Amino acid sequence: MRSILTLAGLTLAAGHAAGEGVELEIEIPRLDVAEYHRPYVAVWVARPDHSVVSNVAVWYQQESRGAEEGETWLKDLRQWWRRAGRSLDMPVDGVSGPTQAPGKHTIDLGPNTDLEPGDYQLVVEAAREVGGRELVTIPFSWPLAEGTSSTAEGERELGTVILRSTAP
């Protein structure tokens, strides 16, 4: 399964060749539980001091019972909510989207970036109703070296998360 989202507010690529970009792959594992709910997921780029540079994606319940009810549970993404979420007026164009089914999902972070050279963290947080909460981070230095990738492994709510430089 592959869903492509374009990053709003952050274009990733200083130092990359034309046509090369950066993508993030997030795996949502299939869990064998009696009552399964798709997780809410937030993805953001942070500085080493944990201050937020940019929100990349927020997947949450946007339909069925109404957007306001879905937004109520965004605070369960505790780290994201404290650092960036509570100050946002959801939905955010190009960032927010519906919850995703189990499988691998790719976010295209684009071929260009306005990130200053330096050290950052890509943070992915997931929270699931009648489930758990999990946070994984991938430290990276900008600009990414051509053809590199960094991986983090979740334990339950998230599977493998990969940040990689891509070529055309």
N, C-alpha and C. Protein backbone atom coordinates (compact mmCIF):
# COMPACT_ATOMS: atom_id res chain seq x y z
N MET A 1 0.86 -1.17 0.00
CA MET A 1 0.00 0.00 0.00
C MET A 1 0.90 1.23 0.00
N ARG A 2 0.60 2.21 -0.82
CA ARG A 2 1.44 3.40 -0.93
C ARG A 2 0.54 4.61 -1.03
N SER A 3 0.65 5.51 -0.08
CA SER A 3 -0.08 6.77 -0.17
C SER A 3 0.95 7.89 -0.19
N ILE A 4 0.81 8.81 -1.11
CA ILE A 4 1.78 9.89 -1.26
C ILE A 4 1.15 11.18 -0.74
N LEU A 5 1.85 11.86 0.14
CA LEU A 5 1.42 13.14 0.65
C LEU A 5 2.54 14.13 0.39
N THR A 6 2.20 15.33 0.04
CA THR A 6 3.22 16.35 -0.15
C THR A 6 3.31 17.15 1.13
N LEU A 7 4.50 17.40 1.57
CA LEU A 7 4.75 18.10 2.81
C LEU A 7 4.46 19.58 2.66
N ALA A 8 3.66 20.11 3.58
CA ALA A 8 3.36 21.54 3.58
C ALA A 8 4.22 22.23 4.62
N GLY A 9 4.76 23.37 4.29
CA GLY A 9 5.53 24.14 5.23
C GLY A 9 6.99 23.73 5.33
N LEU A 10 7.36 22.65 4.66
CA LEU A 10 8.75 22.21 4.70
C LEU A 10 9.03 21.49 3.40
N THR A 11 9.98 21.99 2.68
CA THR A 11 10.40 21.30 1.47
C THR A 11 11.79 20.78 1.75
N LEU A 12 12.04 19.53 1.53
CA LEU A 12 13.31 18.93 1.92
C LEU A 12 14.27 18.72 0.74
N ALA A 13 15.47 19.49 0.64
CA ALA A 13 16.52 19.09 -0.33
C ALA A 13 17.80 19.85 -0.53
N ALA A 14 18.18 20.80 0.26
CA ALA A 14 19.43 21.50 0.02
C ALA A 14 20.57 20.52 -0.15
N GLY A 15 21.34 20.68 -1.20
CA GLY A 15 22.46 19.80 -1.43
C GLY A 15 22.13 18.56 -2.22
N HIS A 16 20.89 18.40 -2.66
CA HIS A 16 20.51 17.23 -3.44
C HIS A 16 20.51 17.55 -4.93
N ALA A 17 20.80 16.54 -5.72
CA ALA A 17 20.79 16.70 -7.18
C ALA A 17 19.37 16.89 -7.67
N ALA A 18 19.24 17.49 -8.83
CA ALA A 18 17.92 17.71 -9.42
C ALA A 18 17.19 16.39 -9.55
N GLY A 19 15.93 16.36 -9.14
CA GLY A 19 15.12 15.17 -9.26
C GLY A 19 15.25 14.23 -8.08
N GLU A 20 16.23 14.45 -7.23
CA GLU A 20 16.39 13.61 -6.05
C GLU A 20 15.58 14.23 -4.92
N GLY A 21 15.06 13.39 -4.04
CA GLY A 21 14.26 13.91 -2.96
C GLY A 21 14.43 13.09 -1.70
N VAL A 22 13.48 13.25 -0.82
CA VAL A 22 13.49 12.56 0.46
C VAL A 22 12.10 12.00 0.68
N GLU A 23 12.05 10.76 1.17
CA GLU A 23 10.75 10.18 1.48
C GLU A 23 10.81 9.48 2.83
N LEU A 24 9.64 9.37 3.41
CA LEU A 24 9.48 8.72 4.69
C LEU A 24 8.50 7.57 4.50
N GLU A 25 8.88 6.39 4.95
CA GLU A 25 7.99 5.24 4.90
C GLU A 25 7.61 4.85 6.32
N ILE A 26 6.31 4.76 6.58
CA ILE A 26 5.80 4.41 7.90
C ILE A 26 4.99 3.13 7.77
N GLU A 27 5.33 2.14 8.58
CA GLU A 27 4.58 0.90 8.58
C GLU A 27 3.64 0.88 9.79
N ILE A 28 2.37 0.65 9.49
CA ILE A 28 1.38 0.44 10.54
C ILE A 28 1.11 -1.06 10.58
N PRO A 29 1.49 -1.72 11.68
CA PRO A 29 1.36 -3.18 11.72
C PRO A 29 -0.09 -3.63 11.84
N ARG A 30 -0.35 -4.82 11.33
CA ARG A 30 -1.66 -5.45 11.50
C ARG A 30 -1.63 -6.15 12.85
N LEU A 31 -2.52 -5.75 13.74
CA LEU A 31 -2.55 -6.32 15.09
C LEU A 31 -3.71 -7.30 15.22
N ASP A 32 -3.47 -8.40 15.90
CA ASP A 32 -4.50 -9.39 16.12
C ASP A 32 -5.12 -9.13 17.50
N VAL A 33 -6.08 -8.22 17.51
CA VAL A 33 -6.76 -7.84 18.75
C VAL A 33 -8.26 -7.90 18.54
N ALA A 34 -9.01 -8.03 19.63
CA ALA A 34 -10.47 -8.16 19.54
C ALA A 34 -11.13 -6.90 18.97
N GLU A 35 -10.67 -5.74 19.41
CA GLU A 35 -11.26 -4.48 18.95
C GLU A 35 -10.16 -3.61 18.36
N TYR A 36 -10.08 -3.58 17.03
CA TYR A 36 -9.02 -2.83 16.37
C TYR A 36 -9.54 -1.48 15.89
N HIS A 37 -8.79 -0.45 16.18
CA HIS A 37 -9.05 0.90 15.67
C HIS A 37 -7.79 1.38 15.00
N ARG A 38 -7.93 2.05 13.86
CA ARG A 38 -6.75 2.61 13.19
C ARG A 38 -6.12 3.67 14.08
N PRO A 39 -4.79 3.72 14.11
CA PRO A 39 -4.14 4.68 15.00
C PRO A 39 -4.17 6.11 14.43
N TYR A 40 -4.18 7.06 15.35
CA TYR A 40 -3.89 8.44 15.00
C TYR A 40 -2.36 8.50 14.91
N VAL A 41 -1.83 9.23 13.94
CA VAL A 41 -0.38 9.32 13.76
C VAL A 41 -0.01 10.78 13.51
N ALA A 42 1.05 11.24 14.17
CA ALA A 42 1.60 12.57 13.92
C ALA A 42 3.07 12.41 13.57
N VAL A 43 3.52 13.19 12.59
CA VAL A 43 4.91 13.16 12.14
C VAL A 43 5.40 14.60 12.10
N TRP A 44 6.58 14.84 12.69
CA TRP A 44 7.13 16.19 12.65
C TRP A 44 8.65 16.16 12.67
N VAL A 45 9.25 17.28 12.27
CA VAL A 45 10.70 17.46 12.31
C VAL A 45 10.99 18.38 13.48
N ALA A 46 11.97 17.96 14.31
CA ALA A 46 12.33 18.74 15.50
C ALA A 46 13.83 18.99 15.54
N ARG A 47 14.20 20.03 16.25
CA ARG A 47 15.60 20.33 16.50
C ARG A 47 16.08 19.45 17.67
N PRO A 48 17.38 19.38 17.92
CA PRO A 48 17.88 18.58 19.05
C PRO A 48 17.28 18.98 20.40
N ASP A 49 16.85 20.24 20.54
CA ASP A 49 16.23 20.68 21.80
C ASP A 49 14.74 20.33 21.84
N HIS A 50 14.26 19.59 20.85
CA HIS A 50 12.88 19.10 20.72
C HIS A 50 11.88 20.16 20.24
N SER A 51 12.34 21.37 19.93
CA SER A 51 11.42 22.36 19.38
C SER A 51 11.03 21.95 17.95
N VAL A 52 9.80 22.20 17.59
CA VAL A 52 9.27 21.75 16.31
C VAL A 52 9.69 22.69 15.19
N VAL A 53 10.23 22.09 14.12
CA VAL A 53 10.58 22.85 12.92
C VAL A 53 9.39 22.87 11.99
N SER A 54 8.75 21.70 11.81
CA SER A 54 7.63 21.61 10.89
C SER A 54 6.79 20.37 11.18
N ASN A 55 5.48 20.50 10.99
CA ASN A 55 4.58 19.35 11.03
C ASN A 55 4.59 18.73 9.64
N VAL A 56 4.77 17.43 9.57
CA VAL A 56 4.81 16.72 8.29
C VAL A 56 3.46 16.12 7.97
N ALA A 57 2.87 15.40 8.93
CA ALA A 57 1.58 14.74 8.70
C ALA A 57 0.88 14.52 10.03
N VAL A 58 -0.45 14.58 9.99
CA VAL A 58 -1.29 14.21 11.12
C VAL A 58 -2.46 13.43 10.54
N TRP A 59 -2.53 12.14 10.88
CA TRP A 59 -3.61 11.28 10.40
C TRP A 59 -4.57 11.05 11.55
N TYR A 60 -5.83 11.43 11.35
CA TYR A 60 -6.83 11.27 12.41
C TYR A 60 -8.20 11.07 11.80
N GLN A 61 -9.16 10.70 12.66
CA GLN A 61 -10.54 10.43 12.22
C GLN A 61 -11.16 11.72 11.74
N GLN A 62 -11.47 11.80 10.44
CA GLN A 62 -12.01 13.02 9.88
C GLN A 62 -13.44 12.87 9.40
N GLU A 63 -13.95 11.65 9.39
CA GLU A 63 -15.30 11.43 8.87
C GLU A 63 -16.15 10.70 9.88
N SER A 64 -17.22 10.16 9.45
CA SER A 64 -18.23 9.41 10.18
C SER A 64 -18.93 10.24 11.24
N ARG A 65 -18.37 10.41 12.41
CA ARG A 65 -19.06 11.11 13.48
C ARG A 65 -18.82 12.62 13.48
N GLY A 66 -18.04 13.10 12.54
CA GLY A 66 -17.78 14.53 12.48
C GLY A 66 -16.34 14.86 12.85
N ALA A 67 -15.82 15.86 12.20
CA ALA A 67 -14.43 16.25 12.39
C ALA A 67 -14.14 16.69 13.82
N GLU A 68 -15.09 17.40 14.44
CA GLU A 68 -14.84 17.89 15.80
C GLU A 68 -14.60 16.73 16.76
N GLU A 69 -15.38 15.65 16.64
CA GLU A 69 -15.19 14.51 17.52
C GLU A 69 -13.82 13.88 17.29
N GLY A 70 -13.41 13.74 16.03
CA GLY A 70 -12.10 13.19 15.72
C GLY A 70 -10.98 14.06 16.27
N GLU A 71 -11.15 15.36 16.20
CA GLU A 71 -10.14 16.28 16.70
C GLU A 71 -10.00 16.21 18.22
N THR A 72 -11.07 15.83 18.91
CA THR A 72 -11.04 15.71 20.36
C THR A 72 -9.93 14.77 20.82
N TRP A 73 -9.68 13.70 20.06
CA TRP A 73 -8.72 12.68 20.47
C TRP A 73 -7.30 12.95 19.99
N LEU A 74 -7.07 14.06 19.30
CA LEU A 74 -5.71 14.40 18.88
C LEU A 74 -4.78 14.57 20.09
N LYS A 75 -5.33 14.99 21.21
CA LYS A 75 -4.49 15.18 22.40
C LYS A 75 -3.90 13.87 22.91
N ASP A 76 -4.40 12.72 22.43
CA ASP A 76 -3.80 11.43 22.79
C ASP A 76 -2.43 11.25 22.15
N LEU A 77 -2.13 12.03 21.13
CA LEU A 77 -0.77 12.08 20.56
C LEU A 77 -0.01 13.07 21.45
N ARG A 78 0.33 12.63 22.64
CA ARG A 78 0.77 13.52 23.73
C ARG A 78 1.95 14.41 23.40
N GLN A 79 3.03 13.83 22.87
CA GLN A 79 4.21 14.65 22.58
C GLN A 79 3.92 15.68 21.50
N TRP A 80 3.28 15.22 20.41
CA TRP A 80 2.95 16.14 19.32
C TRP A 80 2.00 17.22 19.82
N TRP A 81 0.99 16.83 20.60
CA TRP A 81 0.00 17.78 21.09
C TRP A 81 0.67 18.88 21.93
N ARG A 82 1.56 18.49 22.82
CA ARG A 82 2.22 19.46 23.69
C ARG A 82 3.17 20.37 22.92
N ARG A 83 3.83 19.83 21.92
CA ARG A 83 4.84 20.60 21.19
C ARG A 83 4.27 21.44 20.05
N ALA A 84 3.19 20.96 19.39
CA ALA A 84 2.71 21.68 18.21
C ALA A 84 1.20 21.64 18.03
N GLY A 85 0.57 20.54 18.38
CA GLY A 85 -0.83 20.31 18.04
C GLY A 85 -1.83 21.27 18.63
N ARG A 86 -1.67 21.59 19.89
CA ARG A 86 -2.68 22.43 20.53
C ARG A 86 -2.75 23.83 19.95
N SER A 87 -1.68 24.27 19.28
CA SER A 87 -1.68 25.61 18.69
C SER A 87 -2.17 25.62 17.24
N LEU A 88 -2.49 24.45 16.68
CA LEU A 88 -2.94 24.37 15.29
C LEU A 88 -4.46 24.42 15.20
N ASP A 89 -4.94 24.97 14.12
CA ASP A 89 -6.36 24.97 13.82
C ASP A 89 -6.57 23.89 12.77
N MET A 90 -7.03 22.71 13.20
CA MET A 90 -7.18 21.57 12.30
C MET A 90 -8.45 21.70 11.48
N PRO A 91 -8.50 21.15 10.28
CA PRO A 91 -7.42 20.48 9.57
C PRO A 91 -6.42 21.48 8.98
N VAL A 92 -5.19 21.00 8.76
CA VAL A 92 -4.13 21.82 8.17
C VAL A 92 -3.91 21.31 6.75
N ASP A 93 -4.11 22.17 5.78
CA ASP A 93 -3.98 21.79 4.38
C ASP A 93 -2.59 21.24 4.08
N GLY A 94 -2.55 20.06 3.47
CA GLY A 94 -1.29 19.45 3.10
C GLY A 94 -0.60 18.70 4.23
N VAL A 95 -1.15 18.75 5.43
CA VAL A 95 -0.57 18.06 6.58
C VAL A 95 -1.54 17.02 7.12
N SER A 96 -2.78 17.42 7.38
CA SER A 96 -3.73 16.49 7.99
C SER A 96 -4.38 15.60 6.94
N GLY A 97 -4.70 14.39 7.38
CA GLY A 97 -5.35 13.42 6.51
C GLY A 97 -6.03 12.36 7.35
N PRO A 98 -6.76 11.46 6.71
CA PRO A 98 -7.48 10.42 7.46
C PRO A 98 -6.54 9.35 8.01
N THR A 99 -7.02 8.63 9.03
CA THR A 99 -6.26 7.51 9.56
C THR A 99 -5.96 6.53 8.43
N GLN A 100 -4.90 5.77 8.59
CA GLN A 100 -4.46 4.84 7.55
C GLN A 100 -4.60 3.39 8.03
N ALA A 101 -4.92 2.51 7.10
CA ALA A 101 -5.05 1.08 7.39
C ALA A 101 -3.67 0.47 7.61
N PRO A 102 -3.62 -0.72 8.21
CA PRO A 102 -2.33 -1.40 8.34
C PRO A 102 -1.66 -1.54 6.98
N GLY A 103 -0.35 -1.42 6.98
CA GLY A 103 0.44 -1.51 5.75
C GLY A 103 1.53 -0.46 5.77
N LYS A 104 2.22 -0.33 4.64
CA LYS A 104 3.30 0.64 4.50
C LYS A 104 2.77 1.87 3.77
N HIS A 105 3.08 3.03 4.30
CA HIS A 105 2.62 4.30 3.74
C HIS A 105 3.82 5.21 3.52
N THR A 106 3.89 5.83 2.36
CA THR A 106 5.02 6.67 2.01
C THR A 106 4.60 8.13 1.94
N ILE A 107 5.39 8.97 2.58
CA ILE A 107 5.19 10.41 2.50
C ILE A 107 6.36 10.96 1.69
N ASP A 108 6.04 11.59 0.58
CA ASP A 108 7.07 12.20 -0.27
C ASP A 108 7.39 13.57 0.30
N LEU A 109 8.60 13.72 0.79
CA LEU A 109 9.00 14.98 1.41
C LEU A 109 9.56 15.97 0.40
N GLY A 110 9.49 15.64 -0.86
CA GLY A 110 9.83 16.59 -1.90
C GLY A 110 11.30 16.66 -2.27
N PRO A 111 11.58 17.32 -3.37
CA PRO A 111 12.95 17.41 -3.87
C PRO A 111 13.73 18.62 -3.35
N ASN A 112 13.13 19.50 -2.60
CA ASN A 112 13.81 20.73 -2.14
C ASN A 112 13.52 20.95 -0.67
N THR A 113 14.43 21.65 0.02
CA THR A 113 14.16 21.97 1.42
C THR A 113 14.69 23.32 1.84
N ASP A 114 14.01 23.87 2.79
CA ASP A 114 14.49 25.12 3.36
C ASP A 114 15.07 24.88 4.75
N LEU A 115 15.36 23.63 5.08
CA LEU A 115 16.03 23.33 6.34
C LEU A 115 17.45 23.88 6.31
N GLU A 116 17.84 24.48 7.39
CA GLU A 116 19.23 24.93 7.53
C GLU A 116 20.10 23.69 7.76
N PRO A 117 21.33 23.68 7.26
CA PRO A 117 22.21 22.54 7.55
C PRO A 117 22.33 22.36 9.06
N GLY A 118 22.30 21.11 9.50
CA GLY A 118 22.42 20.84 10.92
C GLY A 118 21.79 19.52 11.31
N ASP A 119 21.66 19.32 12.62
CA ASP A 119 21.11 18.09 13.16
C ASP A 119 19.64 18.25 13.52
N TYR A 120 18.86 17.22 13.20
CA TYR A 120 17.42 17.22 13.44
C TYR A 120 16.97 15.84 13.88
N GLN A 121 15.70 15.75 14.22
CA GLN A 121 15.05 14.47 14.50
C GLN A 121 13.75 14.43 13.73
N LEU A 122 13.48 13.29 13.12
CA LEU A 122 12.16 13.05 12.55
C LEU A 122 11.43 12.24 13.61
N VAL A 123 10.26 12.70 14.03
CA VAL A 123 9.52 12.06 15.11
C VAL A 123 8.19 11.55 14.57
N VAL A 124 7.87 10.30 14.90
CA VAL A 124 6.60 9.68 14.50
C VAL A 124 5.95 9.17 15.78
N GLU A 125 4.72 9.62 16.03
CA GLU A 125 3.98 9.20 17.21
C GLU A 125 2.65 8.61 16.78
N ALA A 126 2.26 7.50 17.40
CA ALA A 126 0.99 6.84 17.10
C ALA A 126 0.25 6.57 18.40
N ALA A 127 -1.07 6.72 18.37
CA ALA A 127 -1.93 6.40 19.51
C ALA A 127 -3.19 5.76 18.96
N ARG A 128 -3.64 4.70 19.64
CA ARG A 128 -4.79 3.94 19.14
C ARG A 128 -5.79 3.75 20.27
N GLU A 129 -7.08 3.99 19.94
CA GLU A 129 -8.16 3.75 20.88
C GLU A 129 -8.17 2.27 21.27
N VAL A 130 -8.34 2.00 22.53
CA VAL A 130 -8.30 0.64 23.07
C VAL A 130 -6.96 -0.01 22.69
N GLY A 131 -5.94 0.79 22.65
CA GLY A 131 -4.61 0.30 22.29
C GLY A 131 -3.57 1.08 23.05
N GLY A 132 -2.42 1.20 22.46
CA GLY A 132 -1.33 1.88 23.13
C GLY A 132 -0.91 3.15 22.43
N ARG A 133 0.22 3.66 22.87
CA ARG A 133 0.81 4.86 22.29
C ARG A 133 2.28 4.55 22.12
N GLU A 134 2.84 5.02 21.01
CA GLU A 134 4.25 4.75 20.74
C GLU A 134 4.86 5.93 20.00
N LEU A 135 6.15 6.17 20.30
CA LEU A 135 6.88 7.27 19.67
C LEU A 135 8.23 6.73 19.22
N VAL A 136 8.59 6.99 17.96
CA VAL A 136 9.92 6.64 17.46
C VAL A 136 10.56 7.89 16.88
N THR A 137 11.88 7.97 17.00
CA THR A 137 12.60 9.11 16.44
C THR A 137 13.73 8.61 15.56
N ILE A 138 13.99 9.38 14.53
CA ILE A 138 15.12 9.11 13.64
C ILE A 138 15.98 10.37 13.62
N PRO A 139 17.14 10.34 14.27
CA PRO A 139 18.05 11.49 14.18
C PRO A 139 18.64 11.55 12.77
N PHE A 140 18.80 12.75 12.24
CA PHE A 140 19.44 12.90 10.94
C PHE A 140 20.14 14.23 10.85
N SER A 141 21.12 14.30 9.97
CA SER A 141 21.83 15.54 9.69
C SER A 141 21.42 16.02 8.32
N TRP A 142 21.20 17.32 8.21
CA TRP A 142 20.79 17.92 6.95
C TRP A 142 21.94 18.70 6.38
N PRO A 143 22.24 18.57 5.09
CA PRO A 143 21.51 17.79 4.10
C PRO A 143 21.85 16.30 4.20
N LEU A 144 20.90 15.48 3.77
CA LEU A 144 21.12 14.04 3.75
C LEU A 144 22.11 13.71 2.65
N ALA A 145 22.98 12.77 2.92
CA ALA A 145 23.90 12.30 1.89
C ALA A 145 23.11 11.49 0.88
N GLU A 146 23.50 11.60 -0.38
CA GLU A 146 22.81 10.90 -1.47
C GLU A 146 22.77 9.40 -1.21
N GLY A 147 21.59 8.81 -1.37
CA GLY A 147 21.42 7.37 -1.24
C GLY A 147 21.43 6.84 0.18
N THR A 148 21.28 7.70 1.18
CA THR A 148 21.30 7.23 2.56
C THR A 148 19.90 6.95 3.08
N SER A 149 19.84 6.13 4.12
CA SER A 149 18.57 5.90 4.79
C SER A 149 18.83 5.65 6.27
N SER A 150 17.85 5.99 7.08
CA SER A 150 17.90 5.76 8.52
C SER A 150 16.60 5.08 8.91
N THR A 151 16.69 4.15 9.85
CA THR A 151 15.54 3.34 10.22
C THR A 151 15.33 3.34 11.73
N ALA A 152 14.06 3.30 12.12
CA ALA A 152 13.68 3.11 13.52
C ALA A 152 12.60 2.04 13.54
N GLU A 153 12.59 1.24 14.60
CA GLU A 153 11.62 0.16 14.72
C GLU A 153 10.68 0.44 15.88
N GLY A 154 9.38 0.37 15.59
CA GLY A 154 8.39 0.44 16.65
C GLY A 154 8.25 -0.93 17.28
N GLU A 155 7.58 -0.99 18.42
CA GLU A 155 7.40 -2.26 19.10
C GLU A 155 6.00 -2.82 18.98
N ARG A 156 4.99 -1.96 18.84
CA ARG A 156 3.61 -2.45 18.74
C ARG A 156 2.74 -1.60 17.83
N GLU A 157 2.60 -0.32 18.11
CA GLU A 157 1.69 0.54 17.35
C GLU A 157 2.29 0.99 16.02
N LEU A 158 3.62 0.98 15.94
CA LEU A 158 4.34 1.33 14.72
C LEU A 158 5.27 0.19 14.35
N GLY A 159 5.45 -0.02 13.06
CA GLY A 159 6.42 -1.00 12.59
C GLY A 159 7.70 -0.28 12.24
N THR A 160 8.25 -0.59 11.07
CA THR A 160 9.48 0.04 10.62
C THR A 160 9.19 1.42 10.06
N VAL A 161 10.02 2.39 10.45
CA VAL A 161 9.93 3.76 9.94
C VAL A 161 11.28 4.04 9.28
N ILE A 162 11.23 4.46 8.00
CA ILE A 162 12.46 4.68 7.24
C ILE A 162 12.45 6.09 6.64
N LEU A 163 13.53 6.83 6.88
CA LEU A 163 13.76 8.13 6.23
C LEU A 163 14.87 7.90 5.23
N ARG A 164 14.62 8.21 3.95
CA ARG A 164 15.64 7.93 2.95
C ARG A 164 15.71 9.02 1.88
N SER A 165 16.93 9.18 1.38
CA SER A 165 17.20 10.02 0.23
C SER A 165 16.87 9.18 -1.00
N THR A 166 16.17 9.76 -1.96
CA THR A 166 15.77 9.00 -3.15
C THR A 166 16.38 9.61 -4.40
N ALA A 167 16.53 8.78 -5.38
CA ALA A 167 17.03 9.23 -6.68
C ALA A 167 15.91 9.05 -7.71
N PRO A 168 15.96 9.78 -8.83
CA PRO A 168 14.90 9.65 -9.83
C PRO A 168 14.86 8.28 -10.46
